[in-house]
Amino acid sequence: MNYLKYISRCIEKYSGQKSYIVRIGELKRNLPIRRVEKNIWIASDAGIVLGDIEFGKQVAEEIVRKIG
């Protein structure tokens, strides 16, 4: 898999939205948009991403499926 091509598909222009919906398999999470640097914004919430066991399991299953 060409990971650079995959990552470039994941990058979107920020246009003022407050959150971003992430879909992993059957799960959907609404992540807040955070500014990390001038003109650089990411969708992130450590509490959701790191503390959500169901989300973590689904991410692991998707990674295994893609590289397995």
PDB file of N, CA and C in Angstrom:
ATOM      1  N   MET A   1       0.849  -1.185   0.000  1.00  0.00           N
ATOM      2  CA  MET A   1       0.000   0.000   0.000  1.00  0.00           C
ATOM      3  C   MET A   1       0.891   1.243   0.000  1.00  0.00           C
ATOM      4  N   ASN A   2       0.522   2.216  -0.784  1.00  0.00           N
ATOM      5  CA  ASN A   2       1.244   3.480  -0.827  1.00  0.00           C
ATOM      6  C   ASN A   2       0.692   4.377   0.287  1.00  0.00           C
ATOM      7  N   TYR A   3       1.389   4.404   1.430  1.00  0.00           N
ATOM      8  CA  TYR A   3       0.880   5.124   2.596  1.00  0.00           C
ATOM      9  C   TYR A   3       0.836   6.632   2.384  1.00  0.00           C
ATOM     10  N   LEU A   4       1.803   7.182   1.649  1.00  0.00           N
ATOM     11  CA  LEU A   4       1.789   8.619   1.391  1.00  0.00           C
ATOM     12  C   LEU A   4       0.550   9.008   0.594  1.00  0.00           C
ATOM     13  N   LYS A   5       0.203   8.202  -0.390  1.00  0.00           N
ATOM     14  CA  LYS A   5      -1.008   8.456  -1.178  1.00  0.00           C
ATOM     15  C   LYS A   5      -2.243   8.354  -0.283  1.00  0.00           C
ATOM     16  N   TYR A   6      -2.270   7.357   0.615  1.00  0.00           N
ATOM     17  CA  TYR A   6      -3.399   7.184   1.531  1.00  0.00           C
ATOM     18  C   TYR A   6      -3.526   8.386   2.468  1.00  0.00           C
ATOM     19  N   ILE A   7      -2.412   8.808   3.044  1.00  0.00           N
ATOM     20  CA  ILE A   7      -2.432   9.937   3.978  1.00  0.00           C
ATOM     21  C   ILE A   7      -2.874  11.208   3.271  1.00  0.00           C
ATOM     22  N   SER A   8      -2.405  11.424   2.058  1.00  0.00           N
ATOM     23  CA  SER A   8      -2.785  12.643   1.342  1.00  0.00           C
ATOM     24  C   SER A   8      -4.284  12.684   1.071  1.00  0.00           C
ATOM     25  N   ARG A   9      -4.932  11.526   0.967  1.00  0.00           N
ATOM     26  CA  ARG A   9      -6.388  11.489   0.808  1.00  0.00           C
ATOM     27  C   ARG A   9      -7.089  11.879   2.100  1.00  0.00           C
ATOM     28  N   CYS A  10      -6.418  11.734   3.233  1.00  0.00           N
ATOM     29  CA  CYS A  10      -7.015  12.027   4.534  1.00  0.00           C
ATOM     30  C   CYS A  10      -6.914  13.504   4.905  1.00  0.00           C
ATOM     31  N   ILE A  11      -6.130  14.257   4.191  1.00  0.00           N
ATOM     32  CA  ILE A  11      -5.937  15.673   4.500  1.00  0.00           C
ATOM     33  C   ILE A  11      -7.026  16.491   3.828  1.00  0.00           C
ATOM     34  N   GLU A  12      -7.669  17.327   4.619  1.00  0.00           N
ATOM     35  CA  GLU A  12      -8.724  18.190   4.099  1.00  0.00           C
ATOM     36  C   GLU A  12      -8.428  19.628   4.483  1.00  0.00           C
ATOM     37  N   LYS A  13      -8.884  20.546   3.684  1.00  0.00           N
ATOM     38  CA  LYS A  13      -8.702  21.962   3.977  1.00  0.00           C
ATOM     39  C   LYS A  13      -9.637  22.363   5.115  1.00  0.00           C
ATOM     40  N   TYR A  14      -9.085  23.070   6.102  1.00  0.00           N
ATOM     41  CA  TYR A  14      -9.889  23.548   7.226  1.00  0.00           C
ATOM     42  C   TYR A  14     -10.700  24.755   6.790  1.00  0.00           C
ATOM     43  N   SER A  15     -11.990  24.696   7.038  1.00  0.00           N
ATOM     44  CA  SER A  15     -12.866  25.798   6.619  1.00  0.00           C
ATOM     45  C   SER A  15     -13.748  26.293   7.762  1.00  0.00           C
ATOM     46  N   GLY A  16     -13.236  26.177   8.999  1.00  0.00           N
ATOM     47  CA  GLY A  16     -13.941  26.732  10.141  1.00  0.00           C
ATOM     48  C   GLY A  16     -14.858  25.780  10.889  1.00  0.00           C
ATOM     49  N   GLN A  17     -14.937  24.525  10.467  1.00  0.00           N
ATOM     50  CA  GLN A  17     -15.819  23.584  11.150  1.00  0.00           C
ATOM     51  C   GLN A  17     -15.336  23.331  12.583  1.00  0.00           C
ATOM     52  N   LYS A  18     -16.272  23.044  13.471  1.00  0.00           N
ATOM     53  CA  LYS A  18     -15.959  22.831  14.892  1.00  0.00           C
ATOM     54  C   LYS A  18     -15.559  21.392  15.194  1.00  0.00           C
ATOM     55  N   SER A  19     -15.990  20.447  14.353  1.00  0.00           N
ATOM     56  CA  SER A  19     -15.684  19.044  14.604  1.00  0.00           C
ATOM     57  C   SER A  19     -15.593  18.280  13.289  1.00  0.00           C
ATOM     58  N   TYR A  20     -15.105  17.036  13.405  1.00  0.00           N
ATOM     59  CA  TYR A  20     -14.933  16.165  12.242  1.00  0.00           C
ATOM     60  C   TYR A  20     -15.409  14.772  12.630  1.00  0.00           C
ATOM     61  N   ILE A  21     -16.195  14.158  11.785  1.00  0.00           N
ATOM     62  CA  ILE A  21     -16.684  12.809  12.064  1.00  0.00           C
ATOM     63  C   ILE A  21     -15.688  11.798  11.509  1.00  0.00           C
ATOM     64  N   VAL A  22     -15.183  10.939  12.399  1.00  0.00           N
ATOM     65  CA  VAL A  22     -14.247   9.880  12.033  1.00  0.00           C
ATOM     66  C   VAL A  22     -15.020   8.571  12.004  1.00  0.00           C
ATOM     67  N   ARG A  23     -14.848   7.822  10.931  1.00  0.00           N
ATOM     68  CA  ARG A  23     -15.492   6.513  10.810  1.00  0.00           C
ATOM     69  C   ARG A  23     -14.410   5.444  10.712  1.00  0.00           C
ATOM     70  N   ILE A  24     -14.470   4.484  11.623  1.00  0.00           N
ATOM     71  CA  ILE A  24     -13.560   3.349  11.619  1.00  0.00           C
ATOM     72  C   ILE A  24     -14.436   2.108  11.642  1.00  0.00           C
ATOM     73  N   GLY A  25     -14.453   1.379  10.551  1.00  0.00           N
ATOM     74  CA  GLY A  25     -15.351   0.230  10.459  1.00  0.00           C
ATOM     75  C   GLY A  25     -16.784   0.683  10.640  1.00  0.00           C
ATOM     76  N   GLU A  26     -17.471   0.081  11.589  1.00  0.00           N
ATOM     77  CA  GLU A  26     -18.872   0.412  11.861  1.00  0.00           C
ATOM     78  C   GLU A  26     -19.027   1.558  12.869  1.00  0.00           C
ATOM     79  N   LEU A  27     -17.922   1.980  13.483  1.00  0.00           N
ATOM     80  CA  LEU A  27     -17.997   3.016  14.517  1.00  0.00           C
ATOM     81  C   LEU A  27     -17.868   4.414  13.931  1.00  0.00           C
ATOM     82  N   LYS A  28     -18.483   5.355  14.608  1.00  0.00           N
ATOM     83  CA  LYS A  28     -18.417   6.757  14.204  1.00  0.00           C
ATOM     84  C   LYS A  28     -18.178   7.589  15.461  1.00  0.00           C
ATOM     85  N   ARG A  29     -17.208   8.490  15.401  1.00  0.00           N
ATOM     86  CA  ARG A  29     -16.915   9.383  16.518  1.00  0.00           C
ATOM     87  C   ARG A  29     -16.814  10.814  15.995  1.00  0.00           C
ATOM     88  N   ASN A  30     -17.299  11.743  16.791  1.00  0.00           N
ATOM     89  CA  ASN A  30     -17.269  13.158  16.450  1.00  0.00           C
ATOM     90  C   ASN A  30     -16.114  13.808  17.218  1.00  0.00           C
ATOM     91  N   LEU A  31     -15.025  14.139  16.526  1.00  0.00           N
ATOM     92  CA  LEU A  31     -13.841  14.698  17.175  1.00  0.00           C
ATOM     93  C   LEU A  31     -13.790  16.211  16.998  1.00  0.00           C
ATOM     94  N   PRO A  32     -13.469  16.935  18.071  1.00  0.00           N
ATOM     95  CA  PRO A  32     -13.333  18.385  17.940  1.00  0.00           C
ATOM     96  C   PRO A  32     -12.093  18.741  17.118  1.00  0.00           C
ATOM     97  N   ILE A  33     -12.172  19.849  16.405  1.00  0.00           N
ATOM     98  CA  ILE A  33     -11.032  20.356  15.645  1.00  0.00           C
ATOM     99  C   ILE A  33     -10.190  21.220  16.580  1.00  0.00           C
ATOM    100  N   ARG A  34      -8.892  20.945  16.625  1.00  0.00           N
ATOM    101  CA  ARG A  34      -7.973  21.676  17.502  1.00  0.00           C
ATOM    102  C   ARG A  34      -6.868  22.338  16.678  1.00  0.00           C
ATOM    103  N   ARG A  35      -6.545  23.556  17.036  1.00  0.00           N
ATOM    104  CA  ARG A  35      -5.434  24.242  16.385  1.00  0.00           C
ATOM    105  C   ARG A  35      -4.141  23.801  17.050  1.00  0.00           C
ATOM    106  N   VAL A  36      -3.163  23.361  16.265  1.00  0.00           N
ATOM    107  CA  VAL A  36      -1.884  22.930  16.817  1.00  0.00           C
ATOM    108  C   VAL A  36      -0.749  23.878  16.457  1.00  0.00           C
ATOM    109  N   GLU A  37      -0.969  24.683  15.429  1.00  0.00           N
ATOM    110  CA  GLU A  37       0.029  25.635  14.974  1.00  0.00           C
ATOM    111  C   GLU A  37      -0.669  26.607  14.031  1.00  0.00           C
ATOM    112  N   LYS A  38      -0.013  27.703  13.721  1.00  0.00           N
ATOM    113  CA  LYS A  38      -0.608  28.642  12.776  1.00  0.00           C
ATOM    114  C   LYS A  38      -0.915  27.904  11.469  1.00  0.00           C
ATOM    115  N   ASN A  39      -2.149  27.976  11.053  1.00  0.00           N
ATOM    116  CA  ASN A  39      -2.631  27.344   9.817  1.00  0.00           C
ATOM    117  C   ASN A  39      -2.603  25.817   9.832  1.00  0.00           C
ATOM    118  N   ILE A  40      -2.458  25.206  11.006  1.00  0.00           N
ATOM    119  CA  ILE A  40      -2.504  23.741  11.099  1.00  0.00           C
ATOM    120  C   ILE A  40      -3.519  23.352  12.163  1.00  0.00           C
ATOM    121  N   TRP A  41      -4.504  22.580  11.759  1.00  0.00           N
ATOM    122  CA  TRP A  41      -5.596  22.134  12.622  1.00  0.00           C
ATOM    123  C   TRP A  41      -5.720  20.620  12.489  1.00  0.00           C
ATOM    124  N   ILE A  42      -6.059  19.940  13.580  1.00  0.00           N
ATOM    125  CA  ILE A  42      -6.293  18.496  13.518  1.00  0.00           C
ATOM    126  C   ILE A  42      -7.584  18.150  14.254  1.00  0.00           C
ATOM    127  N   ALA A  43      -8.156  17.033  13.872  1.00  0.00           N
ATOM    128  CA  ALA A  43      -9.310  16.497  14.597  1.00  0.00           C
ATOM    129  C   ALA A  43      -8.746  15.565  15.654  1.00  0.00           C
ATOM    130  N   SER A  44      -8.915  15.920  16.928  1.00  0.00           N
ATOM    131  CA  SER A  44      -8.312  15.112  17.982  1.00  0.00           C
ATOM    132  C   SER A  44      -8.991  15.347  19.318  1.00  0.00           C
ATOM    133  N   ASP A  45      -9.059  14.302  20.080  1.00  0.00           N
ATOM    134  CA  ASP A  45      -9.525  14.368  21.461  1.00  0.00           C
ATOM    135  C   ASP A  45      -8.954  13.153  22.168  1.00  0.00           C
ATOM    136  N   ALA A  46      -7.898  13.355  22.932  1.00  0.00           N
ATOM    137  CA  ALA A  46      -7.216  12.243  23.581  1.00  0.00           C
ATOM    138  C   ALA A  46      -8.166  11.415  24.434  1.00  0.00           C
ATOM    139  N   GLY A  47      -9.131  12.044  25.090  1.00  0.00           N
ATOM    140  CA  GLY A  47     -10.086  11.313  25.919  1.00  0.00           C
ATOM    141  C   GLY A  47     -10.924  10.341  25.115  1.00  0.00           C
ATOM    142  N   ILE A  48     -11.314  10.760  23.935  1.00  0.00           N
ATOM    143  CA  ILE A  48     -12.106   9.874  23.081  1.00  0.00           C
ATOM    144  C   ILE A  48     -11.211   8.816  22.454  1.00  0.00           C
ATOM    145  N   VAL A  49     -10.124   9.246  21.843  1.00  0.00           N
ATOM    146  CA  VAL A  49      -9.274   8.325  21.099  1.00  0.00           C
ATOM    147  C   VAL A  49      -8.565   7.333  22.019  1.00  0.00           C
ATOM    148  N   LEU A  50      -7.999   7.801  23.120  1.00  0.00           N
ATOM    149  CA  LEU A  50      -7.233   6.914  23.993  1.00  0.00           C
ATOM    150  C   LEU A  50      -8.084   6.218  25.045  1.00  0.00           C
ATOM    151  N   GLY A  51      -9.198   6.802  25.443  1.00  0.00           N
ATOM    152  CA  GLY A  51     -10.017   6.218  26.496  1.00  0.00           C
ATOM    153  C   GLY A  51     -11.192   5.397  26.012  1.00  0.00           C
ATOM    154  N   ASP A  52     -11.375   5.297  24.717  1.00  0.00           N
ATOM    155  CA  ASP A  52     -12.522   4.603  24.136  1.00  0.00           C
ATOM    156  C   ASP A  52     -12.093   3.196  23.717  1.00  0.00           C
ATOM    157  N   ILE A  53     -12.361   2.208  24.569  1.00  0.00           N
ATOM    158  CA  ILE A  53     -11.927   0.831  24.329  1.00  0.00           C
ATOM    159  C   ILE A  53     -12.526   0.273  23.041  1.00  0.00           C
ATOM    160  N   GLU A  54     -13.794   0.496  22.820  1.00  0.00           N
ATOM    161  CA  GLU A  54     -14.454  -0.003  21.611  1.00  0.00           C
ATOM    162  C   GLU A  54     -13.795   0.586  20.358  1.00  0.00           C
ATOM    163  N   PHE A  55     -13.510   1.871  20.403  1.00  0.00           N
ATOM    164  CA  PHE A  55     -12.854   2.544  19.279  1.00  0.00           C
ATOM    165  C   PHE A  55     -11.458   1.956  19.055  1.00  0.00           C
ATOM    166  N   GLY A  56     -10.700   1.793  20.132  1.00  0.00           N
ATOM    167  CA  GLY A  56      -9.349   1.226  20.041  1.00  0.00           C
ATOM    168  C   GLY A  56      -9.338  -0.166  19.449  1.00  0.00           C
ATOM    169  N   LYS A  57     -10.275  -1.011  19.867  1.00  0.00           N
ATOM    170  CA  LYS A  57     -10.370  -2.367  19.314  1.00  0.00           C
ATOM    171  C   LYS A  57     -10.691  -2.330  17.828  1.00  0.00           C
ATOM    172  N   GLN A  58     -11.606  -1.456  17.446  1.00  0.00           N
ATOM    173  CA  GLN A  58     -11.988  -1.361  16.038  1.00  0.00           C
ATOM    174  C   GLN A  58     -10.814  -0.875  15.187  1.00  0.00           C
ATOM    175  N   VAL A  59     -10.061   0.097  15.703  1.00  0.00           N
ATOM    176  CA  VAL A  59      -8.879   0.585  14.989  1.00  0.00           C
ATOM    177  C   VAL A  59      -7.872  -0.552  14.819  1.00  0.00           C
ATOM    178  N   ALA A  60      -7.622  -1.312  15.887  1.00  0.00           N
ATOM    179  CA  ALA A  60      -6.685  -2.435  15.816  1.00  0.00           C
ATOM    180  C   ALA A  60      -7.132  -3.459  14.781  1.00  0.00           C
ATOM    181  N   GLU A  61      -8.420  -3.784  14.757  1.00  0.00           N
ATOM    182  CA  GLU A  61      -8.934  -4.742  13.778  1.00  0.00           C
ATOM    183  C   GLU A  61      -8.753  -4.234  12.348  1.00  0.00           C
ATOM    184  N   GLU A  62      -8.971  -2.947  12.136  1.00  0.00           N
ATOM    185  CA  GLU A  62      -8.803  -2.366  10.798  1.00  0.00           C
ATOM    186  C   GLU A  62      -7.335  -2.387  10.373  1.00  0.00           C
ATOM    187  N   ILE A  63      -6.425  -2.110  11.307  1.00  0.00           N
ATOM    188  CA  ILE A  63      -4.994  -2.152  10.988  1.00  0.00           C
ATOM    189  C   ILE A  63      -4.586  -3.566  10.607  1.00  0.00           C
ATOM    190  N   VAL A  64      -5.007  -4.552  11.389  1.00  0.00           N
ATOM    191  CA  VAL A  64      -4.689  -5.948  11.088  1.00  0.00           C
ATOM    192  C   VAL A  64      -5.246  -6.341   9.726  1.00  0.00           C
ATOM    193  N   ARG A  65      -6.457  -5.929   9.446  1.00  0.00           N
ATOM    194  CA  ARG A  65      -7.085  -6.261   8.167  1.00  0.00           C
ATOM    195  C   ARG A  65      -6.304  -5.653   6.994  1.00  0.00           C
ATOM    196  N   LYS A  66      -5.817  -4.431   7.172  1.00  0.00           N
ATOM    197  CA  LYS A  66      -5.117  -3.751   6.081  1.00  0.00           C
ATOM    198  C   LYS A  66      -3.688  -4.251   5.873  1.00  0.00           C
ATOM    199  N   ILE A  67      -3.000  -4.627   6.949  1.00  0.00           N
ATOM    200  CA  ILE A  67      -1.608  -5.058   6.789  1.00  0.00           C
ATOM    201  C   ILE A  67      -1.437  -6.568   6.905  1.00  0.00           C
ATOM    202  N   GLY A  68      -2.485  -7.235   7.413  1.00  0.00           N
ATOM    203  CA  GLY A  68      -2.429  -8.665   7.671  1.00  0.00           C
ATOM    204  C   GLY A  68      -2.307  -9.482   6.461  1.00  0.00           C
TER     205      GLY A  68
END
